[in-house]
């Protein structure tokens, strides 16, 4: 008996992969914004004397548990963690500051001239609810001043660096919200006042059926200052009646804060005192601040002083202050307002080839332009002259350089002015010089 042939099972259609939730691709059309952000950061860092640092994306999880704080949302809810095959507990960095201090201590930067000024630019990771302008992989730049004295001049310097970055990114009239959350001594007194106020209000509110949100109920036992950081509507209303920390500052903290404000006044930077601004991380002390712009209720960046962080992660007490900016949010605002930085360089030439021999010569010619720092484009994968010229038109180049078999034999290049349509032959050995002259002339 003949066994009937088995029917082929229908192939299963594979579902195309997508980026993980809360993450995205940064596409080529967005690149001018990102290039501008990095270039502006580097320019400001260079002017104010900050040196570039790039810490690893993965750090020991305890660096953030001790540094950022066990009671913070970042540590409790938002960190991406993993255990390696060797048994190490690591976390994708949720912020940069703890890494800055770790690097300062590990690499003996305390032996360098103080303070040490550092800047960075890169991705951070938080498993939070994705929403407009907020991603689970997002980008920050920052300026940190570590070591030296706890001098108000350094607080003012990082604030100025942040403002100048926003201005370079065409964010109009950035406004500084600023506060002081004091030191360990005066903050302890304020914490008690704040806790007493909330307990009293909650006791009265429960009788009327009004209570703070669940997170704030928990914060009363873990980090009472975070009560002031809540965005829940009922909690915001209650916060408006809470005692102000500015009334509880000790004399040294009051003097320090006054010094920061006087420095901002000296250069005419507008600011708004916000006695309920505490920031969301445990390591801050004294000055804290955030940046806003008109029409936006989300902070574009912020920072503050963190003199105790080095101690928290196992080092000696080290004065430090820094600022971090949310690059994704800033670029989102620029796109919403149709602010376009355009291509980096407008002066472009396009190298066109006809035939295989000309393609090889065109390939080599591209390298000559690279050495001369002249932006040259090509479509070497296309064989048709018409197809290549279409690309040149689309790129709005000023000059097309055409190489064919005849031109190779004669040792010349056809130089075509894309505006006027006029063209002439130029010896191939003089082409870079001729192109530079024409671009400069235009």
Protein backbone atom coordinates (compact mmCIF):
# COMPACT_ATOMS: atom_id res chain seq x y z
CA UNK A 1 0.00 0.00 0.00
CA UNK A 2 1.37 3.37 -1.03
CA UNK A 3 1.58 6.00 1.71
CA UNK A 4 0.05 9.26 0.51
CA UNK A 5 2.50 12.17 0.55
CA UNK A 6 2.30 14.38 3.62
CA UNK A 7 0.74 17.73 3.01
CA UNK A 8 3.02 20.67 3.67
CA UNK A 9 2.05 22.59 6.76
CA UNK A 10 1.23 26.19 5.97
CA UNK A 11 4.09 28.43 7.03
CA UNK A 12 3.29 30.60 9.99
CA UNK A 13 3.41 34.30 9.28
CA UNK A 14 5.96 35.95 11.53
CA UNK A 15 4.91 39.08 13.36
CA UNK A 16 7.34 41.94 12.63
CA UNK A 17 9.37 43.02 15.64
CA UNK A 18 8.63 46.37 17.23
CA UNK A 19 10.55 48.51 19.70
CA UNK A 20 9.81 47.67 23.36
CA UNK A 21 7.08 49.71 25.01
CA UNK A 22 8.26 53.21 25.89
CA UNK A 23 11.29 53.05 23.59
CA UNK A 24 11.75 54.34 20.06
CA UNK A 25 14.06 54.83 17.12
CA UNK A 26 15.69 58.21 16.57
CA UNK A 27 15.31 58.56 12.81
CA UNK A 28 17.58 60.37 10.34
CA UNK A 29 15.14 63.25 9.85
CA UNK A 30 15.44 64.03 13.57
CA UNK A 31 19.24 64.06 13.50
CA UNK A 32 19.67 67.86 13.15
CA UNK A 33 17.98 68.31 16.56
CA UNK A 34 20.19 65.71 18.23
CA UNK A 35 23.35 67.01 16.59
CA UNK A 36 22.47 70.52 17.72
CA UNK A 37 21.83 69.31 21.28
CA UNK A 38 25.16 67.53 21.54
CA UNK A 39 27.13 70.31 19.84
CA UNK A 40 25.54 72.97 22.07
CA UNK A 41 26.33 70.91 25.18
CA UNK A 42 29.95 70.49 24.09
CA UNK A 43 30.31 74.20 23.25
CA UNK A 44 28.93 75.31 26.62
CA UNK A 45 31.08 72.74 28.44
CA UNK A 46 34.17 73.97 26.62
CA UNK A 47 33.47 77.61 27.46
CA UNK A 48 32.85 76.96 31.16
CA UNK A 49 35.68 74.43 31.56
CA UNK A 50 33.84 71.09 31.88
CA UNK A 51 35.55 67.85 30.80
CA UNK A 52 33.64 65.04 29.05
CA UNK A 53 32.92 61.79 30.90
CA UNK A 54 31.02 58.71 29.76
CA UNK A 55 30.18 56.21 32.51
CA UNK A 56 28.93 52.69 31.69
CA UNK A 57 25.23 52.12 31.04
CA UNK A 58 25.22 49.32 33.66
CA UNK A 59 26.14 49.97 37.29
CA UNK A 60 25.93 48.02 40.54
CA UNK A 61 22.32 48.25 41.70
CA UNK A 62 23.37 49.30 45.22
CA UNK A 63 24.91 52.49 43.82
CA UNK A 64 21.40 53.74 43.07
CA UNK A 65 19.70 52.14 46.08
CA UNK A 66 22.10 53.97 48.42
CA UNK A 67 22.63 57.07 46.31
CA UNK A 68 19.22 57.86 44.83
CA UNK A 69 17.33 56.53 47.85
CA UNK A 70 15.31 53.45 48.79
CA UNK A 71 12.13 55.52 49.21
CA UNK A 72 12.22 57.08 45.75
CA UNK A 73 10.01 56.05 42.84
CA UNK A 74 13.13 55.39 40.76
CA UNK A 75 14.42 52.68 43.10
CA UNK A 76 11.06 51.29 44.19
CA UNK A 77 9.32 51.14 40.80
CA UNK A 78 11.37 52.26 37.83
CA UNK A 79 14.80 50.61 37.65
CA UNK A 80 15.65 48.01 35.01
CA UNK A 81 17.63 45.38 36.89
CA UNK A 82 19.39 42.14 35.96
CA UNK A 83 21.50 39.43 37.53
CA UNK A 84 24.57 38.38 35.55
CA UNK A 85 25.79 34.82 35.09
CA UNK A 86 28.49 35.66 37.62
CA UNK A 87 25.86 36.65 40.19
CA UNK A 88 26.29 40.46 40.03
CA UNK A 89 23.15 42.52 40.58
CA UNK A 90 23.23 45.36 38.06
CA UNK A 91 20.89 48.11 36.91
CA UNK A 92 20.61 50.14 33.74
CA UNK A 93 21.44 53.63 34.94
CA UNK A 94 18.24 55.58 35.76
CA UNK A 95 20.24 58.84 36.10
CA UNK A 96 23.84 60.06 35.84
CA UNK A 97 24.69 61.78 39.12
CA UNK A 98 25.37 58.69 41.21
CA UNK A 99 27.66 57.43 38.42
CA UNK A 100 29.51 60.76 38.45
CA UNK A 101 30.27 60.42 42.16
CA UNK A 102 31.20 56.75 41.78
CA UNK A 103 33.67 57.66 39.03
CA UNK A 104 35.04 60.61 41.03
CA UNK A 105 35.79 58.32 43.97
CA UNK A 106 36.97 55.27 42.00
CA UNK A 107 39.32 57.20 39.71
CA UNK A 108 40.97 59.29 42.41
CA UNK A 109 39.65 62.60 41.09
CA UNK A 110 39.93 64.08 44.58
CA UNK A 111 43.68 64.29 43.89
CA UNK A 112 43.08 66.51 40.87
CA UNK A 113 42.79 70.32 41.14
CA UNK A 114 39.45 71.02 42.81
CA UNK A 115 36.66 71.31 41.93
CA UNK A 116 36.40 68.82 39.07
CA UNK A 117 33.97 69.88 36.35
CA UNK A 118 32.36 67.12 34.27
CA UNK A 119 29.77 66.96 31.49
CA UNK A 120 27.91 64.04 29.89
CA UNK A 121 25.35 63.23 27.21
CA UNK A 122 23.60 59.89 26.86
CA UNK A 123 20.65 57.58 27.53
CA UNK A 124 19.11 56.68 30.87
CA UNK A 125 16.40 54.09 31.59
CA UNK A 126 13.30 54.17 33.79
CA UNK A 127 10.38 51.75 33.71
CA UNK A 128 7.69 54.40 34.07
CA UNK A 129 4.39 55.01 32.30
CA UNK A 130 5.16 56.24 28.76
CA UNK A 131 3.45 59.51 27.82
CA UNK A 132 4.02 62.55 25.64
CA UNK A 133 7.67 63.56 25.87
CA UNK A 134 8.48 60.77 28.33
CA UNK A 135 10.08 57.50 27.27
CA UNK A 136 11.57 54.54 29.11
CA UNK A 137 14.85 55.13 27.34
CA UNK A 138 15.43 58.86 27.28
CA UNK A 139 18.41 61.15 27.00
CA UNK A 140 20.02 63.61 29.37
CA UNK A 141 22.93 65.96 29.23
CA UNK A 142 24.41 67.45 32.35
CA UNK A 143 27.06 69.56 34.01
CA UNK A 144 28.50 68.54 37.39
CA UNK A 145 30.93 70.37 39.71
CA UNK A 146 32.41 67.99 42.30
CA UNK A 147 34.90 68.77 45.09
CA UNK A 148 36.28 72.07 46.34
CA UNK A 149 34.07 74.12 48.62
CA UNK A 150 30.30 74.26 49.02
CA UNK A 151 30.36 77.69 47.42
CA UNK A 152 27.22 79.39 46.00
CA UNK A 153 29.27 80.34 42.92
CA UNK A 154 29.21 76.70 41.78
CA UNK A 155 25.43 76.46 42.21
CA UNK A 156 25.10 79.57 40.05
CA UNK A 157 27.53 78.20 37.44
CA UNK A 158 25.57 75.00 36.77
CA UNK A 159 22.30 76.95 36.67
CA UNK A 160 23.82 79.34 34.12
CA UNK A 161 25.14 76.40 32.06
CA UNK A 162 21.62 74.91 31.97
CA UNK A 163 20.03 78.20 30.93
CA UNK A 164 22.63 78.81 28.22
CA UNK A 165 21.95 75.34 26.82
CA UNK A 166 18.21 76.05 26.62
CA UNK A 167 18.93 79.36 24.92
CA UNK A 168 21.23 77.63 22.40
CA UNK A 169 18.34 75.24 21.67
CA UNK A 170 16.08 78.27 20.99
CA UNK A 171 13.93 77.76 24.07
CA UNK A 172 12.66 81.28 24.69
CA UNK A 173 12.86 82.94 28.11
CA UNK A 174 13.62 79.86 30.25
CA UNK A 175 12.38 80.40 33.80
CA UNK A 176 14.20 79.07 36.84
CA UNK A 177 12.15 77.68 39.74
CA UNK A 178 14.46 77.61 42.75
CA UNK A 179 14.37 76.62 46.41
CA UNK A 180 16.60 75.52 49.28
CA UNK A 181 15.84 72.32 51.15
CA UNK A 182 18.49 73.05 53.79
CA UNK A 183 21.04 70.76 55.39
CA UNK A 184 20.70 67.72 57.63
CA UNK A 185 20.19 69.86 60.72
CA UNK A 186 17.53 72.33 59.61
CA UNK A 187 15.81 69.83 57.30
CA UNK A 188 15.19 67.50 60.25
CA UNK A 189 13.30 70.31 62.04
CA UNK A 190 11.29 71.05 58.90
CA UNK A 191 10.46 67.38 58.35
CA UNK A 192 8.85 67.26 61.80
CA UNK A 193 6.81 70.40 61.08
CA UNK A 194 5.69 69.00 57.73
CA UNK A 195 4.79 65.60 59.19
CA UNK A 196 2.78 67.20 61.98
CA UNK A 197 0.91 69.35 59.43
CA UNK A 198 0.03 66.37 57.20
CA UNK A 199 -1.02 64.16 60.09
CA UNK A 200 -3.32 66.88 61.37
CA UNK A 201 -4.78 67.54 57.92
CA UNK A 202 -5.23 63.85 57.20
CA UNK A 203 -6.99 63.28 60.50
CA UNK A 204 -9.39 66.13 59.69
CA UNK A 205 -9.72 65.02 56.07
CA UNK A 206 -10.68 61.46 56.89
CA UNK A 207 -13.71 62.73 58.78
CA UNK A 208 -14.79 64.55 55.60
CA UNK A 209 -13.86 61.65 53.34
CA UNK A 210 -10.78 63.42 51.96
CA UNK A 211 -7.33 61.87 52.13
CA UNK A 212 -4.04 62.17 50.29
CA UNK A 213 -3.15 59.67 47.55
CA UNK A 214 -1.84 56.21 48.39
CA UNK A 215 1.72 57.11 47.41
CA UNK A 216 1.68 60.04 49.85
CA UNK A 217 0.35 57.85 52.65
CA UNK A 218 3.41 55.66 52.11
CA UNK A 219 5.74 58.67 51.82
CA UNK A 220 4.79 59.79 55.32
CA UNK A 221 6.66 56.76 56.61
CA UNK A 222 9.53 56.76 54.10
CA UNK A 223 10.34 60.27 52.84
CA UNK A 224 8.10 63.03 54.06
CA UNK A 225 9.65 65.68 51.78
CA UNK A 226 8.35 63.76 48.77
CA UNK A 227 4.84 64.78 49.87
CA UNK A 228 5.63 68.16 48.32
CA UNK A 229 6.60 66.50 45.02
CA UNK A 230 3.24 64.81 44.38
CA UNK A 231 1.20 65.82 41.29
CA UNK A 232 -2.12 64.40 42.51
CA UNK A 233 -4.78 67.15 42.51
CA UNK A 234 -5.84 66.72 46.15
CA UNK A 235 -2.20 66.53 47.28
CA UNK A 236 -1.30 69.69 45.35
CA UNK A 237 -4.10 71.58 47.10
CA UNK A 238 -2.90 70.37 50.49
CA UNK A 239 0.72 71.23 49.65
CA UNK A 240 -0.29 74.85 49.04
CA UNK A 241 -1.16 75.16 52.73
CA UNK A 242 1.90 73.32 54.04
CA UNK A 243 4.62 75.16 55.99
CA UNK A 244 7.48 76.55 53.87
CA UNK A 245 10.97 75.16 54.34
CA UNK A 246 12.41 78.65 53.79
CA UNK A 247 11.08 79.57 57.25
CA UNK A 248 13.09 76.70 58.80
CA UNK A 249 16.52 77.22 57.22
CA UNK A 250 19.49 77.49 59.56
CA UNK A 251 21.75 80.54 59.29
CA UNK A 252 24.45 78.90 57.07
CA UNK A 253 21.82 77.52 54.67
CA UNK A 254 20.05 80.87 54.53
CA UNK A 255 23.35 82.61 53.77
CA UNK A 256 24.21 80.05 51.07
CA UNK A 257 20.82 80.42 49.36
CA UNK A 258 21.02 84.22 49.51
CA UNK A 259 24.45 83.98 47.83
CA UNK A 260 23.05 81.90 44.95
CA UNK A 261 20.19 84.34 44.34
CA UNK A 262 22.51 87.34 44.43
CA UNK A 263 24.71 85.75 41.76
CA UNK A 264 21.69 85.14 39.52
CA UNK A 265 20.60 88.74 40.09
CA UNK A 266 24.10 89.92 39.15
CA UNK A 267 23.72 88.58 35.59
CA UNK A 268 20.00 89.31 35.29
CA UNK A 269 18.68 85.73 35.17
CA UNK A 270 14.96 85.66 36.08
CA UNK A 271 13.90 83.15 38.72
CA UNK A 272 10.88 82.30 40.83
CA UNK A 273 11.10 81.18 44.46
CA UNK A 274 9.22 77.92 44.85
CA UNK A 275 9.24 76.83 48.51
CA UNK A 276 7.56 73.51 47.62
CA UNK A 277 10.18 72.39 45.11
CA UNK A 278 12.13 69.43 46.55
CA UNK A 279 13.08 67.34 43.48
CA UNK A 280 12.53 63.58 43.53
CA UNK A 281 15.86 62.21 44.74
CA UNK A 282 17.13 61.70 48.29
CA UNK A 283 20.66 62.99 47.76
CA UNK A 284 19.84 66.69 47.34
CA UNK A 285 20.58 69.34 49.98
CA UNK A 286 20.44 73.12 50.00
CA UNK A 287 19.86 74.52 46.48
CA UNK A 288 17.39 72.73 44.19
CA UNK A 289 16.01 74.12 40.92
CA UNK A 290 14.08 73.28 37.77
CA UNK A 291 13.73 74.93 34.35
CA UNK A 292 10.44 75.72 32.64
CA UNK A 293 9.35 77.62 29.55
CA UNK A 294 6.15 79.50 28.77
CA UNK A 295 3.20 77.28 27.91
CA UNK A 296 4.79 74.10 29.29
CA UNK A 297 4.06 72.67 32.76
CA UNK A 298 6.71 69.95 32.62
CA UNK A 299 10.25 70.68 33.78
CA UNK A 300 12.80 70.69 30.96
CA UNK A 301 15.61 69.96 33.39
CA UNK A 302 16.81 70.64 36.87
CA UNK A 303 19.27 69.78 39.56
CA UNK A 304 20.78 70.94 42.78
CA UNK A 305 23.45 70.49 45.40
CA UNK A 306 24.29 66.98 46.65
CA UNK A 307 27.02 67.36 49.27
CA UNK A 308 26.08 64.07 51.02
CA UNK A 309 26.03 61.72 48.02
CA UNK A 310 29.70 60.72 48.21
CA UNK A 311 29.16 59.65 51.83
CA UNK A 312 26.05 57.66 50.91
CA UNK A 313 28.01 55.54 48.42
CA UNK A 314 31.01 54.92 50.67
CA UNK A 315 33.31 57.90 50.16
CA UNK A 316 34.27 60.99 52.12
CA UNK A 317 31.98 64.00 52.38
CA UNK A 318 32.42 65.87 49.10
CA UNK A 319 30.68 69.12 48.08
CA UNK A 320 28.96 68.75 44.70
CA UNK A 321 26.29 70.40 42.56
CA UNK A 322 24.90 69.61 39.13
CA UNK A 323 22.20 70.02 36.51
CA UNK A 324 20.63 67.59 34.02
CA UNK A 325 18.44 68.44 31.03
CA UNK A 326 15.73 66.29 29.39
CA UNK A 327 16.81 66.22 25.73
CA UNK A 328 13.72 64.35 24.46
CA UNK A 329 11.35 66.86 26.05
CA UNK A 330 13.27 69.82 24.68
CA UNK A 331 13.36 68.39 21.15
CA UNK A 332 9.64 67.58 21.41
CA UNK A 333 8.88 71.23 22.18
CA UNK A 334 11.04 72.41 19.27
CA UNK A 335 9.21 70.08 16.88
CA UNK A 336 5.79 71.17 18.18
CA UNK A 337 6.76 74.79 17.55
CA UNK A 338 8.19 73.97 14.09
CA UNK A 339 11.65 75.19 15.10
CA UNK A 340 13.99 73.59 12.58
CA UNK A 341 17.77 73.57 12.76
CA UNK A 342 18.09 72.28 9.20
CA UNK A 343 21.10 70.40 7.85
CA UNK A 344 24.47 70.96 9.46
CA UNK A 345 26.13 72.24 6.27
CA UNK A 346 24.49 73.80 3.23
CA UNK A 347 27.53 73.77 0.93
CA UNK A 348 27.26 70.46 -0.91
CA UNK A 349 28.55 68.91 -4.12
CA UNK A 350 27.22 65.79 -5.77
CA UNK A 351 29.51 63.29 -7.51
CA UNK A 352 27.88 61.61 -10.53
CA UNK A 353 29.36 58.64 -12.40
CA UNK A 354 28.61 56.94 -15.71
CA UNK A 355 30.12 53.45 -16.04
CA UNK A 356 32.12 51.13 -13.80
CA UNK A 357 35.51 52.80 -14.33
CA UNK A 358 33.99 56.20 -13.50
CA UNK A 359 32.32 54.69 -10.40
CA UNK A 360 35.73 53.66 -9.03
CA UNK A 361 37.17 57.09 -9.72
CA UNK A 362 34.13 58.75 -8.11
CA UNK A 363 34.58 56.53 -5.06
CA UNK A 364 38.19 57.73 -4.71
CA UNK A 365 37.18 61.35 -5.37
CA UNK A 366 34.77 61.26 -2.41
CA UNK A 367 37.74 60.62 -0.14
CA UNK A 368 39.56 63.65 -1.53
CA UNK A 369 36.59 65.83 -0.60
CA UNK A 370 36.45 64.29 2.87
CA UNK A 371 40.12 65.20 3.44
CA UNK A 372 39.36 68.75 2.26
CA UNK A 373 36.34 68.96 4.67
CA UNK A 374 33.91 69.56 1.78
CA UNK A 375 30.54 67.85 2.09
CA UNK A 376 30.15 65.59 -0.95
CA UNK A 377 27.11 63.41 -1.67
CA UNK A 378 26.70 60.51 -4.07
CA UNK A 379 24.39 57.80 -5.37
CA UNK A 380 27.06 55.28 -6.33
CA UNK A 381 24.55 52.46 -6.11
CA UNK A 382 22.58 53.90 -9.04
CA UNK A 383 23.90 53.43 -12.59
CA UNK A 384 21.54 55.73 -14.46
CA UNK A 385 22.73 59.31 -15.00
CA UNK A 386 19.12 60.51 -14.86
CA UNK A 387 18.48 58.75 -11.54
CA UNK A 388 21.62 60.26 -10.01
CA UNK A 389 20.74 63.77 -11.20
CA UNK A 390 17.28 63.39 -9.64
CA UNK A 391 18.92 62.68 -6.29
CA UNK A 392 21.20 65.71 -6.76
CA UNK A 393 18.15 67.91 -7.43
CA UNK A 394 16.38 66.56 -4.34
CA UNK A 395 19.42 67.29 -2.17
CA UNK A 396 19.52 70.87 -3.51
CA UNK A 397 23.24 70.74 -4.15
CA UNK A 398 25.02 73.72 -5.67
CA UNK A 399 27.44 71.78 -7.87
CA UNK A 400 27.31 68.41 -9.66
CA UNK A 401 30.55 66.74 -10.70
CA UNK A 402 30.07 64.34 -13.62
CA UNK A 403 32.55 61.59 -14.46
CA UNK A 404 32.18 59.38 -17.51
CA UNK A 405 34.44 57.19 -19.62
CA UNK A 406 35.42 60.13 -21.85
CA UNK A 407 36.22 62.35 -18.83
CA UNK A 408 38.35 59.64 -17.24
CA UNK A 409 40.32 59.26 -20.49
CA UNK A 410 40.86 63.03 -20.74
CA UNK A 411 41.61 63.46 -17.01
CA UNK A 412 38.84 66.00 -16.42
CA UNK A 413 35.59 66.36 -14.48
CA UNK A 414 32.45 68.08 -15.78
CA UNK A 415 31.50 70.77 -13.25
CA UNK A 416 27.82 71.64 -13.54
CA UNK A 417 26.27 74.65 -11.78
CA UNK A 418 22.90 73.30 -10.62
CA UNK A 419 21.34 76.77 -10.47
CA UNK A 420 22.26 78.05 -13.94
CA UNK A 421 22.82 74.75 -15.74
CA UNK A 422 26.18 75.93 -17.09
CA UNK A 423 29.04 73.46 -17.09
CA UNK A 424 32.71 73.26 -17.90
CA UNK A 425 35.58 70.78 -17.79
CA UNK A 426 38.13 71.06 -14.97
CA UNK A 427 41.33 68.96 -14.67
CA UNK A 428 40.72 66.23 -12.10
CA UNK A 429 43.87 67.23 -10.17
CA UNK A 430 42.44 70.73 -9.59
CA UNK A 431 38.84 69.76 -8.85
CA UNK A 432 38.98 70.09 -5.04
CA UNK A 433 40.51 73.57 -5.30
CA UNK A 434 37.94 74.62 -7.95
CA UNK A 435 35.00 73.37 -5.90
CA UNK A 436 36.22 75.13 -2.75
CA UNK A 437 36.57 78.39 -4.73
CA UNK A 438 33.04 78.12 -6.16
CA UNK A 439 31.42 77.25 -2.82
CA UNK A 440 33.20 80.15 -1.13
CA UNK A 441 32.10 82.49 -3.94
CA UNK A 442 28.46 81.51 -3.49
